[in-house]
Every structure is written in structure tokens, then in C-alpha cells.
Amino acid sequence: GATASQINAALAEGKNLLFTPGVYRLNQTINVTRADTVVLGLGLATVIPENGITALNVADVDGVKIA
């Protein structure tokens, strides 16, 4: 699977994020910084932040959808 660094790079390029069923261990925070970004989890997608980090941070931008 993709690393948190790869996910953040894709989000910075304006891509949306789709978590398919599975367990995702994060070693850094996923940062949503662009307006109108969609973060979608399908089925049993589980995000586990490691070492007490925040799993997902959303900037003060309009239109972000998390489902």
C-alpha cells in the first residue's frame, strides 16, 4: 500500500483519497490542504495512527468531504 508520504504528495497534487478495505498504519499525519478534496473509506477501512500522531488533519478550506 501507499505510505502516508505518498498519500500526502497525491493530495497536494489535487487528487482525492479512497481507502479500500484494509488496515492502514500511519507513521505521519495525512494532511488535506486543498479545497473540495474528497476522503472516502469503503467497507472496513481502518486507519491506525502510530506513536500518538493525528491521523488526519484538514486545513481551513471549503468543500472538503470525509465519508
PDB file of N, CA and C in Angstrom:
ATOM      1  N   GLY A   1       0.810  -1.192   0.000  1.00  0.00           N
ATOM      2  CA  GLY A   1       0.000   0.000   0.000  1.00  0.00           C
ATOM      3  C   GLY A   1       0.849   1.250   0.000  1.00  0.00           C
ATOM      4  N   ALA A   2       0.200   2.337  -0.158  1.00  0.00           N
ATOM      5  CA  ALA A   2       0.879   3.630  -0.191  1.00  0.00           C
ATOM      6  C   ALA A   2       1.274   4.069   1.216  1.00  0.00           C
ATOM      7  N   THR A   3       2.374   4.795   1.301  1.00  0.00           N
ATOM      8  CA  THR A   3       2.794   5.362   2.584  1.00  0.00           C
ATOM      9  C   THR A   3       2.073   6.689   2.799  1.00  0.00           C
ATOM     10  N   ALA A   4       2.091   7.177   4.027  1.00  0.00           N
ATOM     11  CA  ALA A   4       1.475   8.473   4.323  1.00  0.00           C
ATOM     12  C   ALA A   4       2.137   9.571   3.500  1.00  0.00           C
ATOM     13  N   SER A   5       3.431   9.476   3.300  1.00  0.00           N
ATOM     14  CA  SER A   5       4.148  10.459   2.491  1.00  0.00           C
ATOM     15  C   SER A   5       3.638  10.461   1.050  1.00  0.00           C
ATOM     16  N   GLN A   6       3.421   9.284   0.483  1.00  0.00           N
ATOM     17  CA  GLN A   6       2.893   9.180  -0.880  1.00  0.00           C
ATOM     18  C   GLN A   6       1.459   9.701  -0.948  1.00  0.00           C
ATOM     19  N   ILE A   7       0.667   9.410   0.074  1.00  0.00           N
ATOM     20  CA  ILE A   7      -0.713   9.898   0.122  1.00  0.00           C
ATOM     21  C   ILE A   7      -0.721  11.421   0.176  1.00  0.00           C
ATOM     22  N   ASN A   8       0.118  12.007   1.031  1.00  0.00           N
ATOM     23  CA  ASN A   8       0.177  13.466   1.138  1.00  0.00           C
ATOM     24  C   ASN A   8       0.629  14.105  -0.169  1.00  0.00           C
ATOM     25  N   ALA A   9       1.571  13.482  -0.864  1.00  0.00           N
ATOM     26  CA  ALA A   9       2.025  14.010  -2.152  1.00  0.00           C
ATOM     27  C   ALA A   9       0.883  13.997  -3.167  1.00  0.00           C
ATOM     28  N   ALA A  10       0.109  12.919  -3.196  1.00  0.00           N
ATOM     29  CA  ALA A  10      -1.032  12.828  -4.117  1.00  0.00           C
ATOM     30  C   ALA A  10      -2.093  13.873  -3.775  1.00  0.00           C
ATOM     31  N   LEU A  11      -2.366  14.053  -2.485  1.00  0.00           N
ATOM     32  CA  LEU A  11      -3.337  15.067  -2.071  1.00  0.00           C
ATOM     33  C   LEU A  11      -2.864  16.465  -2.469  1.00  0.00           C
ATOM     34  N   ALA A  12      -1.577  16.736  -2.326  1.00  0.00           N
ATOM     35  CA  ALA A  12      -1.026  18.042  -2.694  1.00  0.00           C
ATOM     36  C   ALA A  12      -1.152  18.306  -4.192  1.00  0.00           C
ATOM     37  N   GLU A  13      -1.189  17.238  -4.990  1.00  0.00           N
ATOM     38  CA  GLU A  13      -1.376  17.361  -6.441  1.00  0.00           C
ATOM     39  C   GLU A  13      -2.837  17.556  -6.819  1.00  0.00           C
ATOM     40  N   GLY A  14      -3.731  17.530  -5.833  1.00  0.00           N
ATOM     41  CA  GLY A  14      -5.141  17.740  -6.105  1.00  0.00           C
ATOM     42  C   GLY A  14      -5.952  16.474  -6.263  1.00  0.00           C
ATOM     43  N   LYS A  15      -5.351  15.333  -5.967  1.00  0.00           N
ATOM     44  CA  LYS A  15      -6.089  14.073  -6.076  1.00  0.00           C
ATOM     45  C   LYS A  15      -6.960  13.861  -4.847  1.00  0.00           C
ATOM     46  N   ASN A  16      -8.007  13.053  -5.004  1.00  0.00           N
ATOM     47  CA  ASN A  16      -8.857  12.656  -3.889  1.00  0.00           C
ATOM     48  C   ASN A  16      -8.300  11.374  -3.288  1.00  0.00           C
ATOM     49  N   LEU A  17      -8.831  10.983  -2.135  1.00  0.00           N
ATOM     50  CA  LEU A  17      -8.291   9.836  -1.412  1.00  0.00           C
ATOM     51  C   LEU A  17      -9.380   8.797  -1.202  1.00  0.00           C
ATOM     52  N   LEU A  18      -9.097   7.565  -1.602  1.00  0.00           N
ATOM     53  CA  LEU A  18     -10.022   6.451  -1.436  1.00  0.00           C
ATOM     54  C   LEU A  18      -9.328   5.352  -0.641  1.00  0.00           C
ATOM     55  N   PHE A  19      -9.859   5.062   0.549  1.00  0.00           N
ATOM     56  CA  PHE A  19      -9.365   3.947   1.348  1.00  0.00           C
ATOM     57  C   PHE A  19     -10.230   2.734   1.052  1.00  0.00           C
ATOM     58  N   THR A  20      -9.646   1.691   0.495  1.00  0.00           N
ATOM     59  CA  THR A  20     -10.356   0.439   0.277  1.00  0.00           C
ATOM     60  C   THR A  20     -10.259  -0.396   1.552  1.00  0.00           C
ATOM     61  N   PRO A  21     -11.042  -1.473   1.688  1.00  0.00           N
ATOM     62  CA  PRO A  21     -10.991  -2.265   2.916  1.00  0.00           C
ATOM     63  C   PRO A  21      -9.566  -2.722   3.245  1.00  0.00           C
ATOM     64  N   GLY A  22      -9.214  -2.580   4.499  1.00  0.00           N
ATOM     65  CA  GLY A  22      -7.883  -2.972   4.951  1.00  0.00           C
ATOM     66  C   GLY A  22      -7.478  -2.152   6.158  1.00  0.00           C
ATOM     67  N   VAL A  23      -6.283  -2.414   6.660  1.00  0.00           N
ATOM     68  CA  VAL A  23      -5.737  -1.691   7.807  1.00  0.00           C
ATOM     69  C   VAL A  23      -4.596  -0.819   7.310  1.00  0.00           C
ATOM     70  N   TYR A  24      -4.658   0.463   7.633  1.00  0.00           N
ATOM     71  CA  TYR A  24      -3.659   1.434   7.200  1.00  0.00           C
ATOM     72  C   TYR A  24      -2.954   1.985   8.432  1.00  0.00           C
ATOM     73  N   ARG A  25      -1.679   1.670   8.575  1.00  0.00           N
ATOM     74  CA  ARG A  25      -0.878   2.165   9.696  1.00  0.00           C
ATOM     75  C   ARG A  25      -0.130   3.403   9.216  1.00  0.00           C
ATOM     76  N   LEU A  26      -0.338   4.501   9.929  1.00  0.00           N
ATOM     77  CA  LEU A  26       0.249   5.771   9.514  1.00  0.00           C
ATOM     78  C   LEU A  26       1.415   6.152  10.412  1.00  0.00           C
ATOM     79  N   ASN A  27       2.549   6.496   9.799  1.00  0.00           N
ATOM     80  CA  ASN A  27       3.686   6.971  10.569  1.00  0.00           C
ATOM     81  C   ASN A  27       3.806   8.488  10.521  1.00  0.00           C
ATOM     82  N   GLN A  28       2.889   9.125   9.789  1.00  0.00           N
ATOM     83  CA  GLN A  28       2.780  10.578   9.789  1.00  0.00           C
ATOM     84  C   GLN A  28       1.335  10.954   9.471  1.00  0.00           C
ATOM     85  N   THR A  29       0.979  12.178   9.807  1.00  0.00           N
ATOM     86  CA  THR A  29      -0.384  12.667   9.621  1.00  0.00           C
ATOM     87  C   THR A  29      -0.699  12.829   8.138  1.00  0.00           C
ATOM     88  N   ILE A  30      -1.919  12.466   7.749  1.00  0.00           N
ATOM     89  CA  ILE A  30      -2.411  12.759   6.407  1.00  0.00           C
ATOM     90  C   ILE A  30      -2.964  14.179   6.448  1.00  0.00           C
ATOM     91  N   ASN A  31      -2.470  15.034   5.548  1.00  0.00           N
ATOM     92  CA  ASN A  31      -2.833  16.450   5.550  1.00  0.00           C
ATOM     93  C   ASN A  31      -3.651  16.801   4.319  1.00  0.00           C
ATOM     94  N   VAL A  32      -4.884  17.225   4.554  1.00  0.00           N
ATOM     95  CA  VAL A  32      -5.761  17.688   3.477  1.00  0.00           C
ATOM     96  C   VAL A  32      -5.669  19.207   3.472  1.00  0.00           C
ATOM     97  N   THR A  33      -5.104  19.770   2.412  1.00  0.00           N
ATOM     98  CA  THR A  33      -4.859  21.213   2.365  1.00  0.00           C
ATOM     99  C   THR A  33      -5.583  21.914   1.224  1.00  0.00           C
ATOM    100  N   ARG A  34      -6.201  21.157   0.333  1.00  0.00           N
ATOM    101  CA  ARG A  34      -6.860  21.761  -0.828  1.00  0.00           C
ATOM    102  C   ARG A  34      -8.379  21.724  -0.673  1.00  0.00           C
ATOM    103  N   ALA A  35      -9.015  22.785  -1.124  1.00  0.00           N
ATOM    104  CA  ALA A  35     -10.477  22.865  -1.093  1.00  0.00           C
ATOM    105  C   ALA A  35     -11.075  21.765  -1.970  1.00  0.00           C
ATOM    106  N   ASP A  36     -12.278  21.349  -1.621  1.00  0.00           N
ATOM    107  CA  ASP A  36     -13.076  20.392  -2.403  1.00  0.00           C
ATOM    108  C   ASP A  36     -12.451  19.001  -2.522  1.00  0.00           C
ATOM    109  N   THR A  37     -11.579  18.639  -1.592  1.00  0.00           N
ATOM    110  CA  THR A  37     -10.989  17.302  -1.574  1.00  0.00           C
ATOM    111  C   THR A  37     -11.989  16.312  -0.984  1.00  0.00           C
ATOM    112  N   VAL A  38     -12.025  15.096  -1.527  1.00  0.00           N
ATOM    113  CA  VAL A  38     -12.880  14.030  -1.014  1.00  0.00           C
ATOM    114  C   VAL A  38     -11.992  12.946  -0.413  1.00  0.00           C
ATOM    115  N   VAL A  39     -12.288  12.562   0.834  1.00  0.00           N
ATOM    116  CA  VAL A  39     -11.624  11.441   1.502  1.00  0.00           C
ATOM    117  C   VAL A  39     -12.720  10.423   1.779  1.00  0.00           C
ATOM    118  N   LEU A  40     -12.628   9.254   1.151  1.00  0.00           N
ATOM    119  CA  LEU A  40     -13.695   8.271   1.216  1.00  0.00           C
ATOM    120  C   LEU A  40     -13.138   6.919   1.638  1.00  0.00           C
ATOM    121  N   GLY A  41     -13.790   6.296   2.602  1.00  0.00           N
ATOM    122  CA  GLY A  41     -13.424   4.948   3.016  1.00  0.00           C
ATOM    123  C   GLY A  41     -14.509   3.977   2.591  1.00  0.00           C
ATOM    124  N   LEU A  42     -14.124   2.895   1.940  1.00  0.00           N
ATOM    125  CA  LEU A  42     -15.077   1.878   1.500  1.00  0.00           C
ATOM    126  C   LEU A  42     -14.976   0.652   2.391  1.00  0.00           C
ATOM    127  N   GLY A  43     -16.103   0.121   2.766  1.00  0.00           N
ATOM    128  CA  GLY A  43     -16.095  -1.110   3.555  1.00  0.00           C
ATOM    129  C   GLY A  43     -15.413  -0.919   4.893  1.00  0.00           C
ATOM    130  N   LEU A  44     -14.607  -1.886   5.273  1.00  0.00           N
ATOM    131  CA  LEU A  44     -13.939  -1.848   6.570  1.00  0.00           C
ATOM    132  C   LEU A  44     -12.514  -1.327   6.414  1.00  0.00           C
ATOM    133  N   ALA A  45     -12.396  -0.044   6.138  1.00  0.00           N
ATOM    134  CA  ALA A  45     -11.084   0.603   6.077  1.00  0.00           C
ATOM    135  C   ALA A  45     -10.765   1.125   7.473  1.00  0.00           C
ATOM    136  N   THR A  46      -9.629   0.702   8.025  1.00  0.00           N
ATOM    137  CA  THR A  46      -9.230   1.094   9.369  1.00  0.00           C
ATOM    138  C   THR A  46      -7.912   1.849   9.297  1.00  0.00           C
ATOM    139  N   VAL A  47      -7.899   3.073   9.840  1.00  0.00           N
ATOM    140  CA  VAL A  47      -6.698   3.898   9.869  1.00  0.00           C
ATOM    141  C   VAL A  47      -6.163   3.893  11.291  1.00  0.00           C
ATOM    142  N   ILE A  48      -4.896   3.491  11.451  1.00  0.00           N
ATOM    143  CA  ILE A  48      -4.277   3.421  12.775  1.00  0.00           C
ATOM    144  C   ILE A  48      -3.069   4.356  12.803  1.00  0.00           C
ATOM    145  N   PRO A  49      -3.182   5.493  13.507  1.00  0.00           N
ATOM    146  CA  PRO A  49      -2.027   6.378  13.633  1.00  0.00           C
ATOM    147  C   PRO A  49      -1.047   5.811  14.661  1.00  0.00           C
ATOM    148  N   GLU A  50       0.240   5.837  14.339  1.00  0.00           N
ATOM    149  CA  GLU A  50       1.256   5.297  15.235  1.00  0.00           C
ATOM    150  C   GLU A  50       1.913   6.417  16.044  1.00  0.00           C
ATOM    151  N   ASN A  51       2.419   6.069  17.203  1.00  0.00           N
ATOM    152  CA  ASN A  51       3.191   6.977  18.052  1.00  0.00           C
ATOM    153  C   ASN A  51       2.436   8.239  18.452  1.00  0.00           C
ATOM    154  N   GLY A  52       1.116   8.144  18.587  1.00  0.00           N
ATOM    155  CA  GLY A  52       0.326   9.264  19.085  1.00  0.00           C
ATOM    156  C   GLY A  52       0.096  10.400  18.109  1.00  0.00           C
ATOM    157  N   ILE A  53       0.379  10.186  16.821  1.00  0.00           N
ATOM    158  CA  ILE A  53       0.154  11.250  15.844  1.00  0.00           C
ATOM    159  C   ILE A  53      -1.336  11.404  15.560  1.00  0.00           C
ATOM    160  N   THR A  54      -1.699  12.519  14.969  1.00  0.00           N
ATOM    161  CA  THR A  54      -3.055  12.744  14.493  1.00  0.00           C
ATOM    162  C   THR A  54      -3.199  12.019  13.155  1.00  0.00           C
ATOM    163  N   ALA A  55      -4.285  11.280  12.973  1.00  0.00           N
ATOM    164  CA  ALA A  55      -4.455  10.504  11.740  1.00  0.00           C
ATOM    165  C   ALA A  55      -4.701  11.400  10.532  1.00  0.00           C
ATOM    166  N   LEU A  56      -5.577  12.397  10.688  1.00  0.00           N
ATOM    167  CA  LEU A  56      -5.992  13.220   9.557  1.00  0.00           C
ATOM    168  C   LEU A  56      -6.147  14.653  10.016  1.00  0.00           C
ATOM    169  N   ASN A  57      -5.528  15.571   9.287  1.00  0.00           N
ATOM    170  CA  ASN A  57      -5.640  16.994   9.583  1.00  0.00           C
ATOM    171  C   ASN A  57      -6.212  17.685   8.349  1.00  0.00           C
ATOM    172  N   VAL A  58      -7.275  18.457   8.543  1.00  0.00           N
ATOM    173  CA  VAL A  58      -7.897  19.178   7.436  1.00  0.00           C
ATOM    174  C   VAL A  58      -7.681  20.669   7.652  1.00  0.00           C
ATOM    175  N   ALA A  59      -7.070  21.321   6.669  1.00  0.00           N
ATOM    176  CA  ALA A  59      -6.837  22.759   6.730  1.00  0.00           C
ATOM    177  C   ALA A  59      -8.174  23.500   6.686  1.00  0.00           C
ATOM    178  N   ASP A  60      -8.134  24.779   6.977  1.00  0.00           N
ATOM    179  CA  ASP A  60      -9.329  25.620   6.971  1.00  0.00           C
ATOM    180  C   ASP A  60      -9.658  26.003   5.525  1.00  0.00           C
ATOM    181  N   VAL A  61     -10.175  25.019   4.777  1.00  0.00           N
ATOM    182  CA  VAL A  61     -10.543  25.222   3.377  1.00  0.00           C
ATOM    183  C   VAL A  61     -11.976  24.738   3.167  1.00  0.00           C
ATOM    184  N   ASP A  62     -12.616  25.249   2.145  1.00  0.00           N
ATOM    185  CA  ASP A  62     -14.019  24.926   1.882  1.00  0.00           C
ATOM    186  C   ASP A  62     -14.179  23.626   1.099  1.00  0.00           C
ATOM    187  N   GLY A  63     -15.316  22.968   1.312  1.00  0.00           N
ATOM    188  CA  GLY A  63     -15.759  21.881   0.460  1.00  0.00           C
ATOM    189  C   GLY A  63     -15.140  20.524   0.681  1.00  0.00           C
ATOM    190  N   VAL A  64     -14.349  20.337   1.736  1.00  0.00           N
ATOM    191  CA  VAL A  64     -13.749  19.026   1.990  1.00  0.00           C
ATOM    192  C   VAL A  64     -14.842  18.072   2.465  1.00  0.00           C
ATOM    193  N   LYS A  65     -14.856  16.870   1.890  1.00  0.00           N
ATOM    194  CA  LYS A  65     -15.851  15.860   2.263  1.00  0.00           C
ATOM    195  C   LYS A  65     -15.129  14.620   2.756  1.00  0.00           C
ATOM    196  N   ILE A  66     -15.512  14.155   3.949  1.00  0.00           N
ATOM    197  CA  ILE A  66     -14.924  12.951   4.531  1.00  0.00           C
ATOM    198  C   ILE A  66     -16.053  11.980   4.820  1.00  0.00           C
ATOM    199  N   ALA A  67     -15.967  10.789   4.248  1.00  0.00           N
ATOM    200  CA  ALA A  67     -17.036   9.801   4.436  1.00  0.00           C
ATOM    201  C   ALA A  67     -16.453   8.408   4.497  1.00  0.00           C
TER     202      ALA A  67
END
